[in-house]
Amino acid sequence: MTISTGDAGRLRSAKSEARATIGWREWASLPDLGVDRINAKIDTGAKTSAIHAFRLHVTETEDGAWVEFYLHPRQRRKTPEVFCRAPLIDRRVIKSSNGQEDERLVINTPFRMGDQIWPIELTLTNRDTMGYRLLIGRDALAGRFLIKSDASYLLGK
């Protein structure tokens, strides 16, 4: 079967139309971490996703390594403070946009945005001075959404 350039363009368009469109920030939840609502910044410049975490503590059990931590799900607020516990899946060196390298703990947890839910990897880091407590990188978004960089909350508030 031969596909003309025009046909290929229509096929790409049909595939793109099947994906939801999101803005540069969206509301999300992390059900297994007890976070019903958190403001997420969509960052296609970042490979990995990161969440604000503090008071990190790694414990070893017969089931493997677990990390316990707290997070503030609300921007610019110190309350509420949510206690979280998740299996530790990795430790990675992450290079920030300013070139600084930082070793971070990594967890895998269900993530919900709009009507979709899927597992994502999150690096744990102190994002207290950052505008958004949750940063969603391109690995977590790959193949799921189209991104409209001049829009916000396209999946609803």
Protein backbone atom coordinates (compact mmCIF):
# COMPACT_ATOMS: atom_id res chain seq x y z
CA MET A 1 0.00 0.00 0.00
CA THR A 2 1.33 3.42 -0.92
CA ILE A 3 0.55 6.38 1.28
CA SER A 4 0.80 9.79 -0.28
CA THR A 5 2.17 12.72 1.68
CA GLY A 6 -1.36 14.02 2.03
CA ASP A 7 -2.59 10.69 3.43
CA ALA A 8 0.28 10.56 5.94
CA GLY A 9 -0.58 14.07 7.10
CA ARG A 10 -4.19 13.05 7.67
CA LEU A 11 -3.07 9.94 9.56
CA ARG A 12 -0.89 12.02 11.85
CA SER A 13 -3.73 14.47 12.39
CA ALA A 14 -6.17 11.67 13.27
CA LYS A 15 -3.71 10.23 15.79
CA SER A 16 -3.11 13.69 17.31
CA GLU A 17 -6.83 14.37 17.58
CA ALA A 18 -7.29 11.22 19.67
CA ARG A 19 -5.08 12.70 22.40
CA ALA A 20 -6.37 15.25 24.90
CA THR A 21 -4.86 18.72 24.88
CA ILE A 22 -3.41 20.12 28.08
CA GLY A 23 -2.05 23.51 29.06
CA TRP A 24 1.28 24.47 30.62
CA ARG A 25 -0.26 23.84 34.04
CA GLU A 26 -3.00 21.43 35.08
CA TRP A 27 -4.63 20.01 38.20
CA ALA A 28 -3.54 16.49 39.06
CA SER A 29 -3.73 13.95 41.87
CA LEU A 30 -1.50 11.26 43.35
CA PRO A 31 -4.03 8.83 44.84
CA ASP A 32 -1.58 6.40 46.46
CA LEU A 33 0.19 9.29 48.19
CA GLY A 34 -3.04 10.77 49.58
CA VAL A 35 -2.89 13.88 47.39
CA ASP A 36 -6.33 14.59 45.90
CA ARG A 37 -5.38 17.85 44.22
CA ILE A 38 -2.05 19.41 43.30
CA ASN A 39 -1.13 22.07 40.79
CA ALA A 40 1.24 20.55 38.23
CA LYS A 41 3.54 22.47 35.90
CA ILE A 42 3.97 20.77 32.54
CA ASP A 43 7.64 21.02 31.55
CA THR A 44 8.65 19.43 28.25
CA GLY A 45 12.16 20.74 28.82
CA ALA A 46 12.53 18.39 31.79
CA LYS A 47 13.05 14.69 31.14
CA THR A 48 11.98 13.52 34.59
CA SER A 49 9.14 14.54 36.87
CA ALA A 50 9.76 15.90 40.37
CA ILE A 51 7.70 16.53 43.46
CA HIS A 52 8.39 18.67 46.49
CA ALA A 53 9.44 16.36 49.31
CA PHE A 54 11.13 16.98 52.64
CA ARG A 55 12.13 15.03 55.76
CA LEU A 56 13.04 12.06 53.58
CA HIS A 57 13.86 8.82 55.39
CA VAL A 58 14.80 5.52 53.71
CA THR A 59 14.00 2.27 55.52
CA GLU A 60 14.93 -1.29 54.60
CA THR A 61 12.32 -4.01 55.05
CA GLU A 62 12.02 -7.59 53.87
CA ASP A 63 10.04 -6.13 50.94
CA GLY A 64 12.94 -3.89 49.93
CA ALA A 65 13.73 -0.22 50.40
CA TRP A 66 10.96 2.28 51.18
CA VAL A 67 11.10 6.05 51.40
CA GLU A 68 9.01 8.05 53.84
CA PHE A 69 8.61 11.76 53.27
CA TYR A 70 6.31 14.73 53.68
CA LEU A 71 5.04 17.10 51.06
CA HIS A 72 3.11 20.34 50.88
CA PRO A 73 0.61 19.93 48.02
CA ARG A 74 -0.47 23.58 48.01
CA GLN A 75 1.70 26.22 46.39
CA ARG A 76 3.28 28.80 48.67
CA ARG A 77 1.71 27.12 51.73
CA LYS A 78 3.22 25.11 54.58
CA THR A 79 -0.09 23.38 55.31
CA PRO A 80 -1.36 20.82 54.87
CA GLU A 81 1.63 18.57 55.41
CA VAL A 82 1.00 15.15 53.84
CA PHE A 83 2.91 12.09 55.04
CA CYS A 84 3.80 9.70 52.21
CA ARG A 85 5.42 6.29 51.97
CA ALA A 86 6.43 4.53 48.74
CA PRO A 87 8.83 1.86 47.51
CA LEU A 88 12.20 3.31 46.55
CA ILE A 89 12.90 2.25 42.96
CA ASP A 90 16.14 4.11 42.25
CA ARG A 91 18.62 6.84 43.10
CA ARG A 92 19.56 9.10 40.19
CA VAL A 93 21.78 12.05 39.51
CA ILE A 94 19.61 14.78 37.99
CA LYS A 95 21.09 17.82 36.28
CA SER A 96 19.05 21.00 36.81
CA SER A 97 18.51 23.70 34.21
CA ASN A 98 21.41 25.68 35.72
CA GLY A 99 23.76 22.67 35.35
CA GLN A 100 23.87 21.68 39.02
CA GLU A 101 23.81 17.93 39.68
CA ASP A 102 21.82 16.45 42.55
CA GLU A 103 21.30 12.83 43.60
CA ARG A 104 17.61 12.15 44.11
CA LEU A 105 15.47 9.31 45.36
CA VAL A 106 12.95 7.97 42.80
CA ILE A 107 9.51 6.46 43.38
CA ASN A 108 6.85 5.12 41.03
CA THR A 109 3.25 6.01 41.81
CA PRO A 110 -0.14 6.28 40.08
CA PHE A 111 -0.77 9.75 38.65
CA ARG A 112 -4.11 11.18 37.57
CA MET A 113 -4.68 14.08 35.23
CA GLY A 114 -8.12 14.64 33.77
CA ASP A 115 -9.76 11.27 33.19
CA GLN A 116 -6.46 9.42 32.69
CA ILE A 117 -4.49 7.59 35.35
CA TRP A 118 -1.12 5.91 34.82
CA PRO A 119 2.06 5.17 36.77
CA ILE A 120 4.86 7.74 36.66
CA GLU A 121 8.31 8.02 38.15
CA LEU A 122 8.84 10.97 40.47
CA THR A 123 12.13 12.24 41.81
CA LEU A 124 11.93 13.60 45.35
CA THR A 125 13.46 17.02 45.96
CA ASN A 126 12.87 20.15 47.98
CA ARG A 127 10.94 22.50 45.66
CA ASP A 128 9.95 24.92 48.43
CA THR A 129 11.48 27.87 46.58
CA MET A 130 9.97 26.85 43.24
CA GLY A 131 6.63 28.11 41.96
CA TYR A 132 5.15 24.63 41.53
CA ARG A 133 5.39 21.71 43.92
CA LEU A 134 4.93 19.18 41.09
CA LEU A 135 6.80 19.26 37.79
CA ILE A 136 5.72 16.83 35.07
CA GLY A 137 8.48 16.03 32.57
CA ARG A 138 8.28 14.63 29.08
CA ASP A 139 8.88 10.97 30.09
CA ALA A 140 5.57 10.99 32.01
CA LEU A 141 3.69 12.71 29.19
CA ALA A 142 5.05 10.84 26.15
CA GLY A 143 2.32 9.88 23.71
CA ARG A 144 -0.54 10.90 26.02
CA PHE A 145 -1.28 14.57 25.38
CA LEU A 146 -0.84 17.49 23.08
CA ILE A 147 0.41 20.57 24.91
CA LYS A 148 -0.89 24.07 24.29
CA SER A 149 1.79 26.26 25.82
CA ASP A 150 -0.36 29.40 26.04
CA ALA A 151 -3.24 27.75 27.93
CA SER A 152 -3.89 26.59 31.48
CA TYR A 153 -6.22 24.07 33.10
CA LEU A 154 -7.70 22.70 29.89
CA LEU A 155 -8.74 19.54 31.77
CA GLY A 156 -10.75 21.64 34.22
CA LYS A 157 -10.34 23.21 37.62
